[in-house]
Amino acid sequence: MRKRPPSLIGIVARRIIAFSLLAMVLQIGVVFADYWFDDDKLSVLMLQQETEILSKAITTQDGLLGYEPDHEVRKRYLEMEGRPGAIYVRVRSATGSVLFSNCSAECAEHFLPLSVNAPSFWKRTIEEGKPFSVAGGQSFERGGESVLVELAIFKDPNGFMYSALLHEMFDSMIVPMTLLFCLVICATIWSIRSALRPVALAVQAADGIDPRDSGARLPITRMPQEIERLVSAVNRLLARVADLVQSQKVFSSSIAHEIRTPVSIAKMELSRIDDPRARNAERDLDALTHILEQLTSLARADAVDPSAYGQASLSGIGAEVAQATAPFVFDHGKSIEFVDHGTMPVRVIPALVENMLRNLIENAVKHNPPGTRIILTCGPGRQVSVEDDGKGLVDLPELNQDLGYVKRSGQLGLGLKIVHRIAELHKARLTIDTAPDRGTRVTIDFAPSD
């Protein structure tokens, strides 16, 4: 089973996803390196984020400031659980009033004096290198007053540095780039769909092209430039194919017409010869003439002009065909009957419908014994049928063959091929009901299909 090729949208989307992820990884790597190798920048970021977390426990009640650390704050900053290093926290007002502290001498050593007005941010390094040993503070407004949250970290026992680094990459890189990535994917898919919409219209037009229409071309309106060149090449190919098909039609029609004249002359000369062999030759020439007429009919059907279609009455066409073929039918010992149940006007090429009905009647005459009754029925609605009570078709062909079929008798079965081709031209449904010794009924329904 042939694997279905991937869609253009799928190919582009997969590549955008791959390159976007690669760009995201590279950008995250750049940000990580930028912070990791700059201790001062990373330690400032760490102190800002951690003091902001500590500030969430500041309370105001009746205009009085307070500090009530919850379980998460205590676990994060005040409980070391035997880990190396230390963390000291002090929260004070701008006037120097201590709201919370977990240290005494250490606070005096590492934090600003209580007499100093609270700055917006300060930071100093206690020891160089990683894990960080730094101290700093940040001011926050609560209840109209400034509160300074100070934090001293020794050897970073709780991994604040890594938390700050991940937090910065997530906030500054992962979230924005994910949003940008989603927007790019959606915009790309929408753009490709919009660009390929004319291509989809061209595909529909290609499926609807009638191979007999020499002027059929694919639309190139609003087509992307790269695809427009391909469609233009296909249109040029269609033009060359149309020229080739037209030359074949002209050849088929011309050769059938040109051979008819010498055949007629040969028959006229043979008629002057009084010899049984001459009569046999005349019968052979009659069969050849019939084949030439059928080939001409096929060529005429292939060379149909779309402007030849018009509204016509199937009842009127059927009556004319029955009247025109009656002498031929009676000469061969058969009978013909015309039945009209009433038909609706249909858009057809009258000459081709006449040819179709004539071929069906001639087939019924030639392939059935004397005394066969032939009925040409028009209606009801938009259908017409030719029925006989003869011996039935014993070698019914496949109607989609290119040039008729070879019957058991060795003759070419072009009659039904002509009927099928004309039915195709009119988008009519052709059905054949036949059984041995019970006759054949061929029905052509011109009703439009749903």
Protein backbone atom coordinates (compact mmCIF):
# COMPACT_ATOMS: atom_id res chain seq x y z
CA MET A 1 0.00 0.00 0.00
CA ARG A 2 1.43 3.35 -1.07
CA LYS A 3 2.21 5.66 1.84
CA ARG A 4 0.27 8.90 1.77
CA PRO A 5 2.61 11.89 1.30
CA PRO A 6 2.74 14.42 4.16
CA SER A 7 0.86 17.71 3.83
CA LEU A 8 2.69 21.00 3.37
CA ILE A 9 1.18 22.33 6.60
CA GLY A 10 2.48 19.28 8.48
CA ILE A 11 5.99 19.63 7.03
CA VAL A 12 6.23 23.35 7.81
CA ALA A 13 4.66 22.97 11.27
CA ARG A 14 7.11 20.23 12.25
CA ARG A 15 10.07 22.30 11.10
CA ILE A 16 8.84 25.40 12.91
CA ILE A 17 8.37 23.36 16.09
CA ALA A 18 11.86 21.87 15.78
CA PHE A 19 13.60 25.20 15.12
CA SER A 20 11.53 27.02 17.76
CA LEU A 21 12.45 24.44 20.38
CA LEU A 22 16.08 24.70 19.33
CA ALA A 23 15.94 28.52 19.56
CA MET A 24 14.27 28.25 22.97
CA VAL A 25 16.96 25.90 24.26
CA LEU A 26 19.73 28.13 22.93
CA GLN A 27 18.17 31.26 24.40
CA ILE A 28 17.68 29.59 27.77
CA GLY A 29 21.31 28.53 27.62
CA VAL A 30 22.38 32.12 26.92
CA VAL A 31 20.31 33.47 29.82
CA PHE A 32 21.62 30.75 32.13
CA ALA A 33 25.22 31.51 31.21
CA ASP A 34 24.60 35.25 31.59
CA TYR A 35 23.42 34.85 35.19
CA TRP A 36 25.59 31.90 36.20
CA PHE A 37 28.89 33.58 35.42
CA ASP A 38 27.87 36.92 36.93
CA ASP A 39 27.72 36.34 40.70
CA ASP A 40 26.76 39.91 41.51
CA LYS A 41 23.83 39.92 39.11
CA LEU A 42 22.57 36.52 40.24
CA SER A 43 22.92 37.31 43.97
CA VAL A 44 20.94 40.56 43.53
CA LEU A 45 18.21 38.63 41.73
CA MET A 46 18.19 36.02 44.51
CA LEU A 47 17.88 38.61 47.30
CA GLN A 48 15.13 40.51 45.48
CA GLN A 49 13.03 37.39 44.98
CA GLU A 50 13.54 36.00 48.49
CA THR A 51 12.83 39.29 50.30
CA GLU A 52 9.69 39.66 48.19
CA ILE A 53 8.53 36.24 49.41
CA LEU A 54 9.29 37.23 53.02
CA SER A 55 7.35 40.50 52.60
CA LYS A 56 4.11 38.60 52.06
CA ALA A 57 3.98 37.87 55.82
CA ILE A 58 3.89 41.60 56.78
CA THR A 59 0.53 42.50 58.33
CA THR A 60 -1.27 45.73 59.23
CA GLN A 61 -3.98 45.82 61.86
CA ASP A 62 -5.55 48.99 63.26
CA GLY A 63 -2.72 50.98 61.68
CA LEU A 64 -0.08 48.88 63.43
CA LEU A 65 2.56 46.93 61.50
CA GLY A 66 3.23 43.29 62.32
CA TYR A 67 4.92 40.22 60.94
CA GLU A 68 3.39 36.74 61.09
CA PRO A 69 5.37 34.12 59.15
CA ASP A 70 3.27 31.16 58.11
CA HIS A 71 4.32 27.52 57.89
CA GLU A 72 5.79 27.84 54.39
CA VAL A 73 7.88 30.88 55.33
CA ARG A 74 9.18 29.17 58.48
CA LYS A 75 10.05 26.01 56.60
CA ARG A 76 11.80 27.95 53.83
CA TYR A 77 13.84 30.39 55.93
CA LEU A 78 13.85 29.40 59.57
CA GLU A 79 14.19 25.59 59.61
CA MET A 80 17.65 24.33 58.54
CA GLU A 81 17.12 20.64 59.42
CA GLY A 82 20.85 20.04 59.94
CA ARG A 83 21.92 21.48 56.59
CA PRO A 84 25.24 23.42 56.51
CA GLY A 85 25.03 27.17 56.38
CA ALA A 86 22.65 29.65 57.97
CA ILE A 87 19.82 32.04 57.13
CA TYR A 88 19.05 35.17 59.17
CA VAL A 89 15.92 37.25 58.75
CA ARG A 90 15.04 40.64 60.18
CA VAL A 91 12.00 42.77 59.40
CA ARG A 92 11.91 46.36 60.68
CA SER A 93 10.03 49.58 60.11
CA ALA A 94 11.57 52.77 58.71
CA THR A 95 11.80 54.15 62.24
CA GLY A 96 13.99 51.22 63.36
CA SER A 97 11.28 49.20 65.15
CA VAL A 98 11.99 45.46 64.74
CA LEU A 99 8.86 43.53 63.67
CA PHE A 100 10.55 40.13 63.40
CA SER A 101 14.02 38.67 63.84
CA ASN A 102 15.61 35.25 64.26
CA CYS A 103 19.03 36.58 65.21
CA SER A 104 20.72 38.98 67.67
CA ALA A 105 24.47 39.49 67.31
CA GLU A 106 24.39 38.15 63.76
CA CYS A 107 21.81 40.76 62.79
CA ALA A 108 23.92 43.55 64.19
CA GLU A 109 26.92 42.18 62.31
CA HIS A 110 25.39 41.65 58.88
CA PHE A 111 22.42 44.03 58.65
CA LEU A 112 22.18 47.82 58.57
CA PRO A 113 22.06 49.67 61.88
CA LEU A 114 18.53 50.33 63.12
CA SER A 115 19.20 54.04 63.12
CA VAL A 116 19.76 54.08 59.34
CA ASN A 117 16.73 55.00 57.23
CA ALA A 118 15.48 52.04 55.19
CA PRO A 119 16.81 52.17 51.58
CA SER A 120 14.89 50.72 48.64
CA PHE A 121 17.55 48.00 48.23
CA TRP A 122 21.00 47.17 49.51
CA LYS A 123 23.32 44.21 49.19
CA ARG A 124 26.83 43.19 50.26
CA THR A 125 28.94 40.08 49.77
CA ILE A 126 30.00 38.18 52.86
CA GLU A 127 32.16 35.58 51.07
CA GLU A 128 33.02 35.23 47.38
CA GLY A 129 32.04 32.23 45.29
CA LYS A 130 29.24 29.70 45.24
CA PRO A 131 27.15 28.76 47.17
CA PHE A 132 26.45 32.44 47.89
CA SER A 133 27.13 34.06 51.22
CA VAL A 134 25.47 37.46 50.94
CA ALA A 135 23.34 39.88 52.90
CA GLY A 136 20.86 42.48 51.71
CA GLY A 137 17.50 44.09 52.14
CA GLN A 138 14.58 45.53 50.21
CA SER A 139 11.91 48.05 51.22
CA PHE A 140 8.18 47.49 50.79
CA GLU A 141 5.23 49.82 51.37
CA ARG A 142 2.61 48.54 53.80
CA GLY A 143 -0.16 50.66 55.31
CA GLY A 144 1.50 53.86 54.12
CA GLU A 145 4.78 53.01 55.87
CA SER A 146 8.07 51.66 54.60
CA VAL A 147 9.12 48.22 55.85
CA LEU A 148 12.66 46.88 55.31
CA VAL A 149 13.02 43.12 54.92
CA GLU A 150 16.64 42.05 55.47
CA LEU A 151 18.08 38.65 54.70
CA ALA A 152 21.53 37.13 55.29
CA ILE A 153 22.42 33.83 53.63
CA PHE A 154 25.49 31.73 54.41
CA LYS A 155 26.41 28.94 51.94
CA ASP A 156 22.84 28.98 50.56
CA PRO A 157 21.58 25.91 52.47
CA ASN A 158 18.13 25.95 50.83
CA GLY A 159 19.28 26.45 47.24
CA PHE A 160 17.88 29.97 46.81
CA MET A 161 20.37 30.60 43.98
CA TYR A 162 18.98 27.78 41.82
CA SER A 163 15.41 28.78 42.62
CA ALA A 164 16.11 32.37 41.53
CA LEU A 165 17.82 31.17 38.35
CA LEU A 166 14.95 28.88 37.36
CA HIS A 167 12.38 31.51 38.27
CA GLU A 168 14.09 34.10 36.06
CA MET A 169 14.38 31.73 33.09
CA PHE A 170 10.74 30.70 33.45
CA ASP A 171 9.38 34.23 33.75
CA SER A 172 11.70 35.90 31.26
CA MET A 173 12.17 33.17 28.66
CA ILE A 174 9.97 30.08 28.81
CA VAL A 175 6.57 31.78 29.14
CA PRO A 176 7.18 34.55 26.55
CA MET A 177 8.81 32.20 24.06
CA THR A 178 6.04 29.62 24.48
CA LEU A 179 3.43 32.29 23.73
CA LEU A 180 5.48 33.49 20.75
CA PHE A 181 5.91 29.90 19.60
CA CYS A 182 2.14 29.27 19.70
CA LEU A 183 1.42 32.52 17.86
CA VAL A 184 3.99 31.68 15.18
CA ILE A 185 2.57 28.18 14.69
CA CYS A 186 -1.02 29.45 14.42
CA ALA A 187 -0.04 32.30 12.10
CA THR A 188 2.00 29.96 9.92
CA ILE A 189 -0.80 27.40 9.58
CA TRP A 190 -3.31 30.15 8.82
CA SER A 191 -0.97 31.70 6.25
CA ILE A 192 -0.31 28.38 4.52
CA ARG A 193 -4.02 27.54 4.41
CA SER A 194 -4.78 30.95 2.93
CA ALA A 195 -1.97 30.61 0.39
CA LEU A 196 -3.10 27.10 -0.62
CA ARG A 197 -6.79 27.97 -0.94
CA PRO A 198 -6.34 28.84 -4.66
CA VAL A 199 -4.50 25.54 -5.06
CA ALA A 200 -7.50 23.68 -3.62
CA LEU A 201 -9.73 25.51 -6.12
CA ALA A 202 -7.36 24.45 -8.91
CA VAL A 203 -7.61 20.82 -7.71
CA GLN A 204 -11.40 21.01 -7.87
CA ALA A 205 -11.18 22.52 -11.34
CA ALA A 206 -8.80 19.75 -12.45
CA ASP A 207 -11.23 17.08 -11.22
CA GLY A 208 -14.03 18.76 -13.17
CA ILE A 209 -12.14 19.14 -16.46
CA ASP A 210 -13.89 17.52 -19.42
CA PRO A 211 -11.17 15.83 -21.52
CA ARG A 212 -13.22 16.66 -24.62
CA ASP A 213 -13.09 20.39 -23.85
CA SER A 214 -10.02 21.69 -25.66
CA GLY A 215 -10.25 25.05 -23.88
CA ALA A 216 -10.21 23.67 -20.32
CA ARG A 217 -7.49 25.23 -18.16
CA LEU A 218 -6.64 25.46 -14.46
CA PRO A 219 -7.20 28.84 -12.74
CA ILE A 220 -4.10 30.77 -11.62
CA THR A 221 -5.83 33.70 -9.90
CA ARG A 222 -4.22 34.63 -6.53
CA MET A 223 -1.92 31.64 -6.87
CA PRO A 224 1.44 31.76 -5.00
CA GLN A 225 4.24 32.55 -7.43
CA GLU A 226 6.04 29.22 -7.00
CA ILE A 227 2.85 27.19 -7.53
CA GLU A 228 1.65 29.51 -10.30
CA ARG A 229 4.61 28.43 -12.42
CA LEU A 230 3.66 24.77 -11.94
CA VAL A 231 -0.01 25.44 -12.80
CA SER A 232 1.03 27.43 -15.88
CA ALA A 233 3.18 24.49 -16.99
CA VAL A 234 0.20 22.15 -16.50
CA ASN A 235 -1.96 24.52 -18.56
CA ARG A 236 0.61 24.47 -21.35
CA LEU A 237 0.60 20.68 -21.16
CA LEU A 238 -3.21 20.69 -21.40
CA ALA A 239 -2.97 22.88 -24.48
CA ARG A 240 -0.53 20.46 -26.13
CA VAL A 241 -2.72 17.48 -25.20
CA ALA A 242 -5.76 19.30 -26.61
CA ASP A 243 -3.90 19.85 -29.90
CA LEU A 244 -2.93 16.17 -30.01
CA VAL A 245 -6.48 15.00 -29.25
CA GLN A 246 -7.88 17.36 -31.87
CA SER A 247 -5.48 16.02 -34.49
CA GLN A 248 -6.54 12.47 -33.60
CA LYS A 249 -10.20 13.42 -33.95
CA VAL A 250 -9.58 15.02 -37.33
CA PHE A 251 -7.61 11.96 -38.45
CA SER A 252 -10.33 9.51 -37.37
CA SER A 253 -13.09 11.53 -39.00
CA SER A 254 -11.14 12.20 -42.18
CA ILE A 255 -9.97 8.64 -42.80
CA ALA A 256 -13.47 7.24 -42.31
CA HIS A 257 -14.85 9.81 -44.73
CA GLU A 258 -12.11 9.31 -47.33
CA ILE A 259 -12.45 5.51 -47.37
CA ARG A 260 -16.21 5.67 -47.87
CA THR A 261 -15.94 7.04 -51.43
CA PRO A 262 -13.71 4.29 -52.90
CA VAL A 263 -15.82 1.67 -51.14
CA SER A 264 -18.95 3.06 -52.79
CA ILE A 265 -17.23 3.04 -56.18
CA ALA A 266 -16.15 -0.58 -55.65
CA LYS A 267 -19.74 -1.57 -54.79
CA MET A 268 -21.04 0.13 -57.92
CA GLU A 269 -18.53 -1.74 -60.08
CA LEU A 270 -19.34 -5.05 -58.40
CA SER A 271 -23.05 -4.56 -59.02
CA ARG A 272 -22.32 -4.77 -62.76
CA ILE A 273 -20.72 -8.18 -62.41
CA ASP A 274 -23.09 -11.15 -62.58
CA ASP A 275 -21.21 -13.56 -60.39
CA PRO A 276 -21.87 -15.10 -56.92
CA ARG A 277 -18.41 -14.05 -55.81
CA ALA A 278 -19.30 -10.46 -56.60
CA ARG A 279 -22.34 -10.72 -54.32
CA ASN A 280 -20.13 -12.05 -51.51
CA ALA A 281 -17.77 -9.12 -52.04
CA GLU A 282 -20.71 -6.72 -51.91
CA ARG A 283 -21.77 -8.13 -48.55
CA ASP A 284 -18.24 -7.72 -47.25
CA LEU A 285 -18.19 -4.14 -48.48
CA ASP A 286 -21.55 -3.53 -46.76
CA ALA A 287 -20.05 -4.73 -43.49
CA LEU A 288 -17.01 -2.50 -44.07
CA THR A 289 -19.30 0.46 -44.81
CA HIS A 290 -21.17 -0.17 -41.56
CA ILE A 291 -17.91 -0.22 -39.60
CA LEU A 292 -16.82 3.02 -41.27
CA GLU A 293 -20.12 4.64 -40.35
CA GLN A 294 -19.65 3.57 -36.74
CA LEU A 295 -16.08 4.90 -36.70
CA THR A 296 -17.35 8.18 -38.10
CA SER A 297 -19.98 8.30 -35.37
CA LEU A 298 -17.32 7.77 -32.71
CA ALA A 299 -15.15 10.51 -34.21
CA ARG A 300 -18.13 12.86 -34.35
CA ALA A 301 -18.94 12.15 -30.70
CA ASP A 302 -15.35 12.91 -29.68
CA ALA A 303 -15.35 16.18 -31.64
CA VAL A 304 -18.53 17.54 -30.08
CA ASP A 305 -18.84 21.31 -29.68
CA PRO A 306 -20.24 22.41 -26.27
CA SER A 307 -22.31 25.06 -28.07
CA ALA A 308 -24.23 22.30 -29.89
CA TYR A 309 -26.25 21.47 -26.75
CA GLY A 310 -29.83 22.71 -26.66
CA GLN A 311 -33.29 21.97 -25.28
CA ALA A 312 -35.04 19.20 -27.20
CA SER A 313 -37.94 16.77 -26.85
CA LEU A 314 -37.03 13.09 -26.50
CA SER A 315 -40.48 12.18 -27.78
CA GLY A 316 -39.90 14.16 -30.97
CA ILE A 317 -36.45 12.63 -31.50
CA GLY A 318 -37.78 9.12 -30.84
CA ALA A 319 -40.67 9.52 -33.27
CA GLU A 320 -38.31 10.69 -36.05
CA VAL A 321 -35.89 7.81 -35.47
CA ALA A 322 -38.71 5.22 -35.43
CA GLN A 323 -40.07 6.60 -38.69
CA ALA A 324 -36.63 6.78 -40.35
CA THR A 325 -35.56 3.23 -39.38
CA ALA A 326 -38.91 1.50 -40.03
CA PRO A 327 -38.08 0.53 -43.67
CA PHE A 328 -34.77 -0.98 -42.57
CA VAL A 329 -36.49 -2.94 -39.79
CA PHE A 330 -39.27 -4.24 -42.04
CA ASP A 331 -36.80 -5.23 -44.80
CA HIS A 332 -35.10 -7.54 -42.30
CA GLY A 333 -38.31 -9.26 -41.23
CA LYS A 334 -38.72 -7.49 -37.88
CA SER A 335 -41.31 -5.07 -36.56
CA ILE A 336 -40.91 -1.75 -34.73
CA GLU A 337 -43.31 0.05 -32.43
CA PHE A 338 -43.07 3.57 -31.01
CA VAL A 339 -44.54 4.23 -27.53
CA ASP A 340 -44.68 7.72 -26.03
CA HIS A 341 -45.40 8.10 -22.31
CA GLY A 342 -44.61 11.80 -22.36
CA THR A 343 -41.17 13.30 -21.79
CA MET A 344 -39.74 16.50 -20.33
CA PRO A 345 -37.43 18.83 -22.30
CA VAL A 346 -33.77 17.88 -21.90
CA ARG A 347 -30.51 19.59 -22.81
CA VAL A 348 -28.96 17.35 -25.46
CA ILE A 349 -27.34 17.30 -28.88
CA PRO A 350 -30.28 15.99 -30.98
CA ALA A 351 -28.09 14.54 -33.76
CA LEU A 352 -26.12 12.42 -31.27
CA VAL A 353 -29.28 11.18 -29.51
CA GLU A 354 -30.69 10.19 -32.90
CA ASN A 355 -27.46 8.36 -33.69
CA MET A 356 -27.63 6.56 -30.34
CA LEU A 357 -31.20 5.35 -30.84
CA ARG A 358 -30.47 4.34 -34.44
CA ASN A 359 -27.51 2.22 -33.31
CA LEU A 360 -29.65 0.47 -30.69
CA ILE A 361 -32.35 -0.32 -33.26
CA GLU A 362 -29.81 -1.54 -35.83
CA ASN A 363 -28.19 -3.79 -33.22
CA ALA A 364 -31.60 -5.24 -32.33
CA VAL A 365 -32.26 -5.90 -36.01
CA LYS A 366 -28.91 -7.46 -36.88
CA HIS A 367 -28.53 -9.72 -33.85
CA ASN A 368 -32.03 -11.20 -33.62
CA PRO A 369 -33.99 -13.69 -35.75
CA PRO A 370 -36.86 -12.72 -38.11
CA GLY A 371 -40.13 -11.89 -36.36
CA THR A 372 -38.44 -10.03 -33.49
CA ARG A 373 -40.50 -7.20 -32.11
CA ILE A 374 -38.66 -3.95 -31.35
CA ILE A 375 -40.18 -1.24 -29.12
CA LEU A 376 -38.83 2.31 -28.89
CA THR A 377 -40.25 3.92 -25.74
CA CYS A 378 -39.95 7.57 -24.75
CA GLY A 379 -40.75 8.53 -21.17
CA PRO A 380 -41.91 8.83 -18.63
CA GLY A 381 -39.82 11.81 -17.57
CA ARG A 382 -36.36 12.10 -19.14
CA GLN A 383 -35.68 8.54 -20.22
CA VAL A 384 -35.81 6.62 -23.47
CA SER A 385 -35.40 2.89 -24.10
CA VAL A 386 -35.11 0.35 -26.93
CA GLU A 387 -36.45 -3.13 -26.18
CA ASP A 388 -36.69 -6.36 -28.16
CA ASP A 389 -37.98 -9.86 -27.50
CA GLY A 390 -35.13 -11.60 -29.29
CA LYS A 391 -32.42 -13.96 -28.14
CA GLY A 392 -30.63 -11.56 -25.76
CA LEU A 393 -26.98 -10.56 -25.63
CA VAL A 394 -24.68 -13.49 -25.02
CA ASP A 395 -21.39 -11.57 -25.07
CA LEU A 396 -22.14 -8.28 -23.35
CA PRO A 397 -18.97 -6.13 -23.29
CA GLU A 398 -17.48 -4.00 -20.60
CA LEU A 399 -18.59 -0.53 -21.62
CA ASN A 400 -15.44 1.21 -20.38
CA GLN A 401 -13.17 -0.35 -23.00
CA ASP A 402 -11.34 2.01 -25.33
CA LEU A 403 -12.47 0.87 -28.77
CA GLY A 404 -15.43 -1.45 -28.51
CA TYR A 405 -14.75 -5.14 -28.18
CA VAL A 406 -14.28 -8.22 -30.30
CA LYS A 407 -17.37 -10.40 -30.23
CA ARG A 408 -17.38 -14.19 -30.48
CA SER A 409 -18.21 -13.80 -34.13
CA GLY A 410 -14.96 -11.89 -34.63
CA GLN A 411 -16.69 -8.59 -35.40
CA LEU A 412 -16.05 -5.31 -33.66
CA GLY A 413 -18.86 -4.37 -31.25
CA LEU A 414 -18.79 -0.62 -31.85
CA GLY A 415 -22.54 -0.03 -31.61
CA LEU A 416 -22.79 -0.20 -27.84
CA LYS A 417 -19.54 1.75 -27.50
CA ILE A 418 -21.08 4.60 -29.51
CA VAL A 419 -24.20 4.48 -27.32
CA HIS A 420 -22.09 4.54 -24.17
CA ARG A 421 -19.95 7.44 -25.42
CA ILE A 422 -22.99 9.55 -26.30
CA ALA A 423 -24.56 8.78 -22.91
CA GLU A 424 -21.31 9.92 -21.24
CA LEU A 425 -21.40 13.20 -23.17
CA HIS A 426 -24.88 13.91 -21.80
CA LYS A 427 -24.09 12.61 -18.27
CA ALA A 428 -26.92 10.12 -18.74
CA ARG A 429 -27.27 6.76 -16.96
CA LEU A 430 -27.13 3.72 -19.25
CA THR A 431 -28.59 0.40 -18.08
CA ILE A 432 -28.80 -2.88 -20.01
CA ASP A 433 -31.20 -5.67 -19.00
CA THR A 434 -30.74 -8.86 -21.00
CA ALA A 435 -31.26 -12.58 -20.63
CA PRO A 436 -30.93 -15.51 -23.06
CA ASP A 437 -34.10 -15.99 -25.17
CA ARG A 438 -35.88 -13.23 -23.21
CA GLY A 439 -34.67 -10.22 -25.16
CA THR A 440 -32.77 -7.06 -24.28
CA ARG A 441 -33.81 -3.67 -22.94
CA VAL A 442 -31.41 -0.70 -23.07
CA THR A 443 -32.51 2.36 -21.08
CA ILE A 444 -30.92 5.81 -21.16
CA ASP A 445 -31.94 8.17 -18.36
CA PHE A 446 -31.14 11.85 -18.95
CA ALA A 447 -32.27 12.93 -15.48
CA PRO A 448 -29.51 14.86 -13.66
CA SER A 449 -27.75 12.79 -10.99
CA ASP A 450 -27.92 13.99 -7.36
